[in-house]
Amino acid sequence: MKLHRDLKVEKVASTDKTRQVIGEPYLRGNVLWSTDGRAMVRIPVELGEHDVDGFVTGNALQAARKVDKRCELIQLTANGCLSLKDGQSFPRPSEKNGEMPPYPNCDQVWEPMWKGETDGPEIAFDVRKLAAIADALGVDAVKIQAVKGQNALRVSPCGTRKTRICEPNARAVLIRICTT
């Protein structure tokens, strides 16, 4: 399996120990999926002749990036285990022996999202700036609102189950990025 070294699909995998089945990316066909139950990514990959469906651990992907430091594409073989070009091998959690339950069917969420019509404006922004704003507001979730006639977005804190809003009147503005 080959994929671009900058695609860090494992960053979206769940870190919740009670949701172990989505704790690692999953190869299904020529697509590498990863989800934490709230965010999901789907990355097309180039399959090798011996690659088969199943879990692809974040540890193996990180090690492959170290092995292929100067290459644009990282490579690993995904069959009974995860093998790298330098001979390193990583165990592959298995659904067959009951070690892991089956990976969720991501297509049932993905297909309606990407085949349906959009009903709002397309908005582009620098995610690093948004993360900095969330940090500045002291929260892990924000509300974003487009303002008619403005090239900026209103950003306000949003409390979640994990965090409370420290200062409910804190606000921010994020400038949109122009796309071509």
Foldseek 3Di string as FASTA:
>chain_A
DKDFLVDQQQVAFAPDPVPVLQNFWWDDPQWTWHHRPPDIDIDGHDADPQADTATDGSVLSVVQCVVPVPDRMGDWHHDQWTAHPVGDTHGTQDCVVVSHPDRDDCCVVPVCVVVPDDDDDDFAFDVVVVVVVCVVQVHPDWDWADDPPDQKIKIFDDDDPVGDGPDRPDIDITGTDDDD
